[in-house]
Protein backbone atom coordinates (compact mmCIF):
# COMPACT_ATOMS: atom_id res chain seq x y z
CA MET A 1 77.61 153.96 105.08
CA GLU A 2 79.17 151.96 102.20
CA LEU A 3 78.96 148.16 102.30
CA LEU A 4 82.72 147.98 102.35
CA GLU A 5 82.82 150.19 105.41
CA LEU A 6 81.05 147.58 107.48
CA TYR A 7 82.74 145.57 110.28
CA TYR A 8 84.92 142.81 108.77
CA ASP A 9 82.80 139.85 110.33
CA VAL A 10 79.64 141.52 109.38
CA LEU A 11 80.77 141.80 105.68
CA ILE A 12 81.85 138.18 105.77
CA LYS A 13 78.41 137.08 107.13
CA ILE A 14 76.65 139.09 104.21
CA ILE A 15 78.94 137.70 101.49
CA GLU A 16 78.25 134.20 102.86
CA GLU A 17 74.77 134.40 101.42
CA VAL A 18 75.93 134.48 97.91
CA GLU A 19 76.68 131.31 95.98
CA PRO A 20 80.38 130.25 95.94
CA GLU A 21 80.49 130.51 92.26
CA ASP A 22 79.48 134.15 92.38
CA LEU A 23 82.55 135.27 94.44
CA ALA A 24 84.56 135.68 91.17
CA ALA A 25 81.99 137.88 89.70
CA LEU A 26 81.61 139.81 93.03
CA ALA A 27 85.39 140.37 92.95
CA GLN A 28 85.09 141.99 89.63
CA THR A 29 82.42 144.67 90.67
CA SER A 30 84.93 147.05 92.16
CA ILE A 31 88.63 147.40 93.19
CA GLY A 32 87.49 147.24 96.82
CA PHE A 33 85.61 144.19 96.48
CA ASN A 34 88.53 142.59 94.40
CA HIS A 35 90.81 143.40 97.40
CA PHE A 36 88.25 141.92 99.99
CA VAL A 37 87.50 138.73 98.15
CA LYS A 38 90.78 137.78 96.58
CA GLY A 39 92.93 135.72 98.96
CA ASN A 40 90.36 136.09 101.88
CA GLU A 41 90.92 132.59 103.36
CA MET A 42 88.32 133.36 106.11
CA LEU A 43 85.63 134.05 103.52
CA TYR A 44 86.46 130.99 101.45
CA LYS A 45 86.49 128.84 104.49
CA ALA A 46 83.03 129.95 105.55
CA HIS A 47 81.64 129.26 102.11
CA TYR A 48 83.21 125.81 101.92
CA LEU A 49 81.88 124.74 105.51
CA LYS A 50 78.36 126.10 104.62
CA ASN A 51 78.19 124.19 101.38
CA PHE A 52 80.39 120.94 102.02
CA ASP A 53 81.34 118.59 104.75
CA ASP A 54 84.30 119.62 106.93
CA PRO A 55 87.19 117.51 105.34
CA ARG A 56 89.06 117.51 108.64
CA ARG A 57 88.67 114.42 110.83
CA ARG A 58 89.93 115.87 114.18
CA PRO A 59 90.27 119.41 115.44
CA THR A 60 93.96 118.89 115.28
CA ASP A 61 94.21 118.13 111.66
CA PRO A 62 95.91 120.72 109.54
CA ALA A 63 93.26 123.02 107.61
CA PRO A 64 93.23 122.55 103.91
CA ASP A 65 93.86 125.22 101.48
CA TRP A 66 90.37 126.58 101.68
CA ILE A 67 90.76 128.88 98.56
CA ALA A 68 91.99 126.18 96.43
CA GLU A 69 89.77 123.56 97.44
CA LEU A 70 86.64 125.84 97.21
CA GLN A 71 87.70 126.95 93.69
CA ARG A 72 88.14 123.17 92.75
CA LEU A 73 84.42 122.40 93.96
CA VAL A 74 83.10 125.53 92.32
CA LYS A 75 84.59 124.25 89.04
CA LEU A 76 83.01 120.82 89.62
CA ARG A 77 79.67 122.52 90.03
CA LYS A 78 80.13 124.43 86.79
CA ILE A 79 81.05 121.44 84.72
CA LEU A 80 78.20 119.34 86.00
CA GLN A 81 75.72 122.17 85.74
CA SER A 82 76.89 122.82 82.12
CA GLN A 83 74.54 121.67 79.30
CA SER A 84 77.47 121.07 76.89
CA PRO A 85 78.40 117.39 76.40
CA ASP A 86 81.88 118.49 75.15
CA VAL A 87 82.65 120.61 78.36
CA LYS A 88 81.86 117.40 80.58
CA SER A 89 83.69 115.07 78.39
CA ALA A 90 86.79 117.35 78.24
CA ASN A 91 86.97 117.32 82.16
CA MET A 92 86.09 113.61 82.75
CA ASP A 93 89.21 112.92 84.78
CA PHE A 94 88.96 116.02 86.67
CA VAL A 95 85.22 115.36 87.64
CA LEU A 96 85.94 111.82 88.75
CA GLU A 97 88.84 112.67 90.90
CA THR A 98 87.14 115.58 92.43
CA ILE A 99 84.04 113.43 93.32
CA SER A 100 86.29 110.80 94.76
CA THR A 101 87.88 113.36 97.13
CA LEU A 102 84.20 114.63 98.08
CA ILE A 103 83.30 110.91 99.02
CA LYS A 104 86.47 110.35 100.87
CA THR A 105 86.18 113.71 103.04
CA GLY A 106 82.37 113.42 103.43
CA THR A 107 80.87 112.81 106.85
CA GLU A 108 77.48 112.68 108.43
CA SER A 109 76.20 114.80 111.24
CA GLU A 110 72.72 113.75 112.64
CA GLY A 111 72.30 111.53 109.59
CA LEU A 112 72.97 114.29 107.09
CA SER A 113 75.72 115.02 104.79
CA LEU A 114 76.32 118.20 102.77
CA ASN A 115 78.54 116.35 100.26
CA CYS A 116 75.90 113.63 99.83
CA GLY A 117 73.10 116.27 99.27
CA GLU A 118 75.39 118.06 96.65
CA LEU A 119 76.32 114.95 94.69
CA THR A 120 72.67 113.75 94.83
CA LYS A 121 71.48 117.07 93.43
CA LEU A 122 74.13 117.15 90.62
CA PHE A 123 73.53 113.62 89.54
CA SER A 124 69.73 113.96 89.41
CA ASN A 125 70.69 115.28 85.94
CA PRO A 126 70.59 112.16 83.65
CA GLN A 127 73.09 113.85 81.39
CA ASN A 128 75.65 113.71 84.37
CA ALA A 129 74.84 110.15 85.32
CA ASP A 130 75.10 108.95 81.67
CA MET A 131 78.44 110.89 81.21
CA PHE A 132 80.16 110.00 84.34
CA MET A 133 78.69 106.96 85.71
CA HIS A 134 77.73 104.85 82.69
CA ARG A 135 81.03 104.79 80.87
CA SER A 136 82.37 101.29 81.86
CA SER A 137 82.73 98.47 79.45
CA LEU A 138 79.28 97.20 80.54
CA TYR A 139 77.88 100.02 78.39
CA ARG A 140 79.72 98.92 75.37
CA ARG A 141 76.92 96.54 74.69
CA ALA A 142 74.04 97.55 77.21
CA GLY A 143 72.29 100.64 78.12
CA MET A 144 70.69 103.47 76.10
CA GLU A 145 72.13 105.53 73.28
CA THR A 146 73.37 108.34 75.67
CA GLN A 147 75.41 105.79 77.58
CA SER A 148 78.76 104.39 76.13
CA GLN A 149 82.00 102.83 76.98
CA ALA A 150 84.88 105.25 77.63
CA GLN A 151 88.09 104.77 75.77
CA SER A 152 90.59 104.67 78.47
CA LEU A 153 90.79 101.54 80.82
CA GLU A 154 91.30 103.75 83.91
CA THR A 155 88.37 106.09 83.07
CA ARG A 156 86.08 103.05 82.69
CA GLN A 157 87.27 101.77 86.06
CA GLN A 158 86.71 105.03 87.83
CA SER A 159 83.31 105.46 86.25
CA ALA A 160 82.37 102.03 87.53
CA ARG A 161 83.58 103.07 90.86
CA LEU A 162 81.56 106.12 90.75
CA HIS A 163 78.45 104.05 89.73
CA SER A 164 79.19 101.50 92.63
CA ILE A 165 79.23 104.32 95.09
CA TYR A 166 76.26 106.18 93.72
CA GLY A 167 74.38 102.72 93.94
CA ILE A 168 71.74 100.97 91.93
CA PRO A 169 68.44 102.63 92.80
CA LYS A 170 65.50 100.22 93.09
CA ASP A 171 63.64 101.88 90.13
CA SER A 172 66.67 101.84 87.86
CA THR A 173 66.68 98.23 86.44
CA GLY A 174 63.96 98.94 83.90
CA ARG A 175 62.02 96.28 82.11
CA ARG A 176 63.79 92.93 81.47
CA THR A 177 64.36 93.72 77.66
CA LEU A 178 65.80 97.12 78.25
CA SER A 179 67.97 96.68 81.36
CA THR A 180 71.49 96.07 81.78
CA HIS A 181 71.42 92.92 84.03
CA PRO A 182 71.67 90.23 81.19
CA PHE A 183 75.04 91.93 80.11
CA ALA A 184 76.18 92.43 83.84
CA ARG A 185 75.40 88.70 84.43
CA SER A 186 77.46 87.81 81.63
CA ARG A 187 80.45 89.27 83.36
CA VAL A 188 79.69 87.97 86.70
CA TYR A 189 79.27 84.38 85.60
CA ASP A 190 82.26 84.36 83.16
CA LEU A 191 84.79 82.24 85.02
CA ARG A 192 87.58 83.52 83.05
CA ASN A 193 87.53 86.45 85.51
CA TYR A 194 88.36 84.25 88.51
CA SER A 195 91.82 82.92 88.84
CA LYS A 196 94.94 82.94 91.03
CA ARG A 197 95.93 86.48 89.63
CA SER A 198 92.52 87.96 90.78
CA ARG A 199 92.44 85.91 94.00
CA TRP A 200 89.09 84.57 92.78
CA GLY A 201 87.42 87.80 93.81
CA PRO A 202 86.61 91.30 92.55
CA PHE A 203 90.25 92.23 91.64
CA ARG A 204 91.83 92.87 88.44
CA ASN A 205 93.09 89.85 86.66
CA ASP A 206 96.74 91.09 86.65
CA GLY A 207 98.01 90.15 90.07
CA SER A 208 98.00 93.72 91.31
CA MET A 209 95.27 93.26 93.89
CA ARG A 210 93.61 96.56 92.61
CA VAL A 211 89.81 96.34 92.77
CA ASP A 212 88.17 95.61 89.43
CA TRP A 213 85.38 98.22 89.72
CA GLU A 214 83.69 97.11 86.49
CA LEU A 215 83.17 93.68 87.98
CA VAL A 216 81.79 95.26 91.30
CA GLU A 217 79.44 97.37 89.36
CA SER A 218 78.06 94.32 87.52
CA ILE A 219 77.80 92.40 90.76
CA MET A 220 75.61 95.18 92.14
CA VAL A 221 73.44 95.47 89.12
CA VAL A 222 72.89 91.64 89.19
CA LEU A 223 72.20 91.50 93.07
CA GLY A 224 69.77 94.58 92.71
CA TYR A 225 67.77 93.05 89.91
CA ASN A 226 67.63 89.54 91.62
CA ASN A 227 66.68 91.03 95.12
CA GLY A 228 64.07 93.20 93.36
CA ILE A 229 62.05 90.25 92.01
CA CYS A 230 62.51 87.61 94.87
CA SER A 231 59.87 86.94 97.56
CA ARG A 232 58.50 90.05 99.22
CA ARG A 233 58.29 88.13 102.44
CA TYR A 234 61.89 89.02 103.18
CA MET A 235 62.43 92.36 101.43
CA ASP A 236 62.21 94.58 104.68
CA ARG A 237 64.91 92.72 106.08
CA PHE A 238 67.11 92.55 102.93
CA VAL A 239 66.69 95.97 101.37
CA LEU A 240 70.09 96.43 99.67
CA PRO A 241 72.24 99.32 101.05
CA TRP A 242 72.79 100.78 97.78
CA SER A 243 69.05 101.10 96.95
CA ALA A 244 69.14 105.06 97.00
CA PRO A 245 71.63 107.42 95.46
CA PHE A 246 74.90 107.60 97.66
CA ALA A 247 72.97 105.93 100.52
CA ASN A 248 75.17 104.70 103.34
CA ILE A 249 78.35 105.83 101.90
CA PHE A 250 78.95 108.82 104.29
CA GLN A 251 79.53 108.05 108.15
CA ASP A 252 79.44 109.91 111.21
CA ARG A 253 82.60 111.71 112.06
CA PHE A 254 83.65 109.11 114.91
CA ALA A 255 83.40 106.24 112.31
CA HIS A 256 86.05 107.91 110.10
CA LEU A 257 88.46 108.63 112.90
CA PRO A 258 91.88 106.72 111.80
CA PHE A 259 92.39 103.40 113.58
CA THR A 260 95.44 104.73 115.46
CA ASP A 261 92.97 107.22 117.11
CA LEU A 262 90.78 104.47 118.44
CA GLN A 263 93.17 101.88 119.74
CA PRO A 264 96.69 100.47 119.18
CA PRO A 265 97.06 99.39 115.47
CA LEU A 266 98.79 96.12 116.11
CA PRO A 267 98.94 93.57 118.81
CA SER A 268 101.29 94.29 121.68
CA LEU A 269 103.99 91.93 122.68
CA THR A 270 104.46 93.52 126.07
CA LYS A 271 102.89 92.19 129.38
CA GLU A 272 100.51 94.88 129.56
CA PRO A 273 96.77 93.70 129.91
CA SER A 274 95.54 93.62 126.32
CA LEU A 275 92.31 95.22 125.26
CA PRO A 276 89.28 93.25 124.43
CA LEU A 277 89.47 92.02 120.68
CA ASP A 278 86.41 94.13 119.56
CA PHE A 279 88.25 97.30 120.78
CA GLN A 280 91.33 96.21 118.66
CA ASP A 281 88.98 95.78 115.62
CA PRO A 282 89.23 98.86 113.25
CA TYR A 283 86.72 97.13 110.79
CA ASN A 284 83.88 96.69 113.14
CA VAL A 285 83.30 93.08 112.52
CA SER A 286 81.35 91.65 115.45
CA GLY A 287 77.65 91.81 114.94
CA ILE A 288 74.63 90.37 112.83
CA TRP A 289 75.04 90.73 109.12
CA ALA A 290 72.52 90.13 106.27
CA ARG A 291 73.81 88.50 103.17
CA ILE A 292 72.51 87.76 99.60
CA VAL A 293 73.91 84.91 97.50
CA CYS A 294 72.86 84.29 93.91
CA PHE A 295 73.79 81.42 91.58
CA LEU A 296 73.05 79.78 88.15
CA ASP A 297 72.09 76.17 87.76
CA TYR A 298 75.34 74.36 87.44
CA ASP A 299 74.47 72.93 84.22
CA ASP A 300 73.63 76.44 82.87
CA LEU A 301 76.86 77.92 84.26
CA TYR A 302 79.03 75.15 82.80
CA ASP A 303 77.33 75.28 79.26
CA PHE A 304 77.65 79.08 79.29
CA ASN A 305 81.50 79.02 80.06
CA PHE A 306 82.44 75.83 78.10
CA ASN A 307 80.22 75.57 74.97
CA THR A 308 81.39 76.05 71.56
CA THR A 309 80.61 79.84 71.66
CA ALA A 310 82.50 80.36 74.84
CA VAL A 311 85.48 78.30 73.86
CA ARG A 312 85.88 80.33 70.59
CA THR A 313 85.44 83.77 72.25
CA PRO A 314 88.78 85.62 72.30
CA GLU A 315 90.18 86.15 75.88
CA ASP A 316 89.46 89.96 75.59
CA GLN A 317 85.96 89.58 74.32
CA PRO A 318 82.84 89.31 76.54
CA LEU A 319 80.66 86.33 76.55
CA PRO A 320 77.02 86.49 75.28
CA PRO A 321 74.29 88.01 77.62
CA ILE A 322 72.55 85.57 80.00
CA THR A 323 68.69 85.56 80.22
CA MET A 324 68.34 82.41 82.30
CA GLU A 325 67.09 82.93 85.81
CA GLU A 326 69.28 82.60 89.04
CA ALA A 327 68.58 81.23 92.59
CA VAL A 328 68.61 83.84 95.43
CA ARG A 329 69.46 82.96 99.00
CA HIS A 330 68.99 85.30 101.94
CA ILE A 331 71.27 84.51 104.98
CA MET A 332 71.88 86.03 108.37
CA MET A 333 75.33 85.95 109.83
CA HIS A 334 76.57 86.10 113.30
CA LEU A 335 80.31 87.10 113.32
CA GLU A 336 82.60 87.51 116.44
CA VAL A 337 86.31 88.62 116.33
CA THR A 338 88.72 85.82 117.36
CA ALA A 339 92.05 87.09 116.72
CA VAL A 340 94.09 90.27 115.80
CA THR A 341 97.35 89.70 113.74
CA ALA A 342 100.01 91.76 112.23
CA PRO A 343 99.54 92.49 108.38
CA GLY A 344 101.19 90.21 105.84
CA LYS A 345 103.88 91.26 103.35
CA ASN A 346 101.10 91.67 100.71
CA ASP A 347 98.94 93.73 103.01
CA ASN A 348 98.60 97.50 103.74
CA GLN A 349 101.11 97.74 106.75
CA THR A 350 99.32 100.48 108.59
CA MET A 351 96.26 97.97 109.49
CA PRO A 352 96.01 94.74 111.21
CA VAL A 353 94.42 91.55 110.04
CA ILE A 354 91.19 90.79 112.03
CA HIS A 355 90.06 87.14 112.25
CA PHE A 356 86.55 86.06 112.89
CA ASP A 357 84.25 82.94 113.40
CA GLY A 358 80.48 82.85 113.10
CA LYS A 359 77.31 81.10 112.06
CA ALA A 360 75.16 81.53 108.96
CA ARG A 361 71.45 80.75 108.80
CA ALA A 362 69.37 80.99 105.51
CA VAL A 363 65.88 82.61 106.21
CA ASP A 364 64.02 81.37 103.19
CA THR A 365 65.40 77.94 102.45
CA ASN A 366 66.17 76.09 105.65
CA MET A 367 65.62 72.65 104.04
CA ASP A 368 68.56 73.40 101.59
CA ALA A 369 71.65 71.42 102.54
CA ASN A 370 73.66 74.48 101.66
CA ALA A 371 71.52 76.78 103.77
CA ASN A 372 73.08 76.60 107.13
CA SER A 373 76.69 76.55 108.17
CA SER A 374 79.69 77.73 110.25
CA ILE A 375 81.68 80.59 108.84
CA ARG A 376 85.25 81.86 109.54
CA GLY A 377 87.35 84.52 107.77
CA CYS A 378 89.57 87.66 108.11
CA VAL A 379 89.47 91.33 107.01
CA ARG A 380 92.51 93.12 106.02
CA MET A 381 93.45 96.21 104.04
CA THR A 382 94.96 95.83 100.40
CA PRO A 383 98.00 97.76 99.49
CA GLU A 384 95.64 100.02 97.46
CA GLY A 385 93.75 100.91 100.55
CA GLU A 386 90.59 98.85 100.09
CA VAL A 387 89.00 96.66 102.95
CA ARG A 388 89.16 93.07 101.79
CA TRP A 389 87.00 90.42 103.21
CA SER A 390 87.61 86.54 102.84
CA THR A 391 85.41 84.00 104.11
CA VAL A 392 85.18 80.21 104.37
CA TRP A 393 81.92 78.23 104.82
CA ILE A 394 82.22 75.21 106.84
CA PHE A 395 79.43 72.51 107.11
CA ASN A 396 79.02 69.39 109.33
CA GLY A 397 81.62 70.99 111.63
CA HIS A 398 84.64 70.50 109.50
CA GLU A 399 83.81 70.37 105.75
CA GLU A 400 84.98 73.43 103.89
CA ARG A 401 82.65 73.98 100.88
CA TRP A 402 82.57 77.55 99.71
CA ARG A 403 84.80 80.53 99.87
CA SER A 404 84.28 84.19 99.01
CA GLU A 405 86.35 87.33 98.32
CA ALA A 406 85.06 90.62 98.44
CA ILE A 407 85.78 94.37 99.18
CA GLN A 408 83.83 96.92 101.27
CA VAL A 409 82.46 99.48 98.95
CA GLY A 410 83.07 102.97 100.54
CA GLY A 411 86.03 101.85 102.65
CA LEU A 412 86.75 101.35 106.28
CA ARG A 413 83.49 100.70 108.35
CA SER A 414 81.33 101.77 105.42
CA LYS A 415 77.74 101.01 105.93
CA ARG A 416 77.26 100.34 102.07
CA GLY A 417 78.24 96.84 102.40
CA VAL A 418 80.73 94.34 101.32
CA VAL A 419 80.35 92.99 97.57
CA GLY A 420 82.24 90.17 95.86
CA VAL A 421 82.27 86.60 94.54
CA TRP A 422 81.79 83.11 96.16
CA TYR A 423 83.34 80.08 94.53
CA ASP A 424 84.30 76.37 95.12
CA LYS A 425 86.78 76.06 98.13
CA SER A 426 89.22 74.10 95.87
CA PHE A 427 89.41 76.96 93.40
CA ASP A 428 88.02 74.63 90.64
CA PRO A 429 88.30 76.72 87.33
CA HIS A 430 85.05 74.91 86.30
CA GLY A 431 83.12 76.61 89.01
CA PRO A 432 80.81 77.00 90.58
CA ALA A 433 80.81 80.70 91.31
CA GLY A 434 78.50 83.65 91.69
CA PRO A 435 77.94 87.13 93.26
CA THR A 436 77.38 87.94 96.92
CA ALA A 437 77.06 90.88 99.18
CA PHE A 438 76.58 91.39 102.95
CA TRP A 439 76.00 94.29 105.40
CA LYS A 440 75.59 94.88 109.02
CA VAL A 441 72.18 95.22 110.47
CA LYS A 442 72.93 94.94 114.21
CA GLU A 443 75.70 95.46 116.75
CA LEU A 444 76.02 92.71 119.23
CA ALA A 445 75.91 94.91 122.25
CA SER A 446 72.99 97.13 121.32
CA GLY A 447 70.38 94.57 120.76
CA THR A 448 68.78 96.54 118.06
CA ASP A 449 68.95 96.93 114.23
CA GLU A 450 69.90 99.92 112.55
CA ASP A 451 66.50 101.53 112.89
CA GLY A 452 66.52 100.89 116.69
CA ASN A 453 64.30 97.94 116.45
CA ASP A 454 64.74 94.80 118.43
CA SER A 455 65.49 92.14 115.83
CA ASP A 456 66.22 88.98 117.88
CA ASP A 457 63.12 87.27 116.53
CA PHE A 458 64.71 86.70 113.26
CA MET A 459 68.28 86.87 114.02
CA GLU A 460 68.51 84.14 116.71
CA LEU A 461 70.67 81.35 115.23
């Protein structure tokens, strides 16, 4: 019996065993195979689902064009497996856009994600990492010879976004003299980046409310370096959620369901009984969160920004690298939802605004006057579709002292965490300001942390 004479489903199962990139070669072996492979949506679907996460969020979602999507991902593989820097460079935008789609459609099943495994394998090649993740303006001055700034602003932003999503593995900072963190510090502590137009946060300084991924990348580099050299006593509790490649970016399928599938999107004005606030919250705010805050001595910060060199530096040029040490604070936050309101005119209109209150307790510096406080804030979606967190730190029951603006890397309910900037509550252009990040470690109802361990002993406020 000829191979093509087998039952259709049996032949599909056999051809599933070849690599997706070999389908084109298989189609060229004979006229019969050409007819079988070309346009065979069932075959392409089988290959897609065997190698990548199902991009459909719900069973009722329309099926994608399996043929076109698999061909696009095969092209991505071939580019990233190529040894030619010219091939990679010529397809820069395609690669960044396709990877963004893989991340957006990726999901976990029992803790595993096919998309995550594929991307981790492809970016284990240092050439791919240098070509696509180390092209922001940070690498104009920092990094190795194989790492350089891209020419286009948007390419630099997309490269920084990919680097932020990939993460900053614990072993990537290198020796102090060779690492990128002095140059990342320069960007993070440059007070020119924080103004009304950037909302004093990780947004572009043009009033657009688009995320400044180059700044987010630098914040993550700085926090990763500082957290790696601080007291080991607290490291188990404060391992950064971006410490391994693509860690905590892909979620379970339920967490990716649109808010409209989980509960009504906006507060109801009818007399029907309203749902509990936590059930109206698409961002999953209530819980225990770990937070890290870093800062320079204020005299150092002021001198860095307002000395003669800084004053004479053109607006479009970076300030010198910073080698002075920073202070690090590790904080636990207990947050609970207090209200759900409709989006404002400058928000994404598909998602509500969630308000919350809570308490914050430093775990390593309880004697610091800035260590313990109340906290309030809100979470909303930007017009660009990013999750924006705004917080206010309140001392002595009423004294507002610090604010922060941050974005959730990875999007809605991402376990990767929230990364941004803290600053003076009065928006003082002379500072202080610094980097911060926080991530959920415990659901209030569960009584356990992400690893299933009871953690009340150090989370009790």
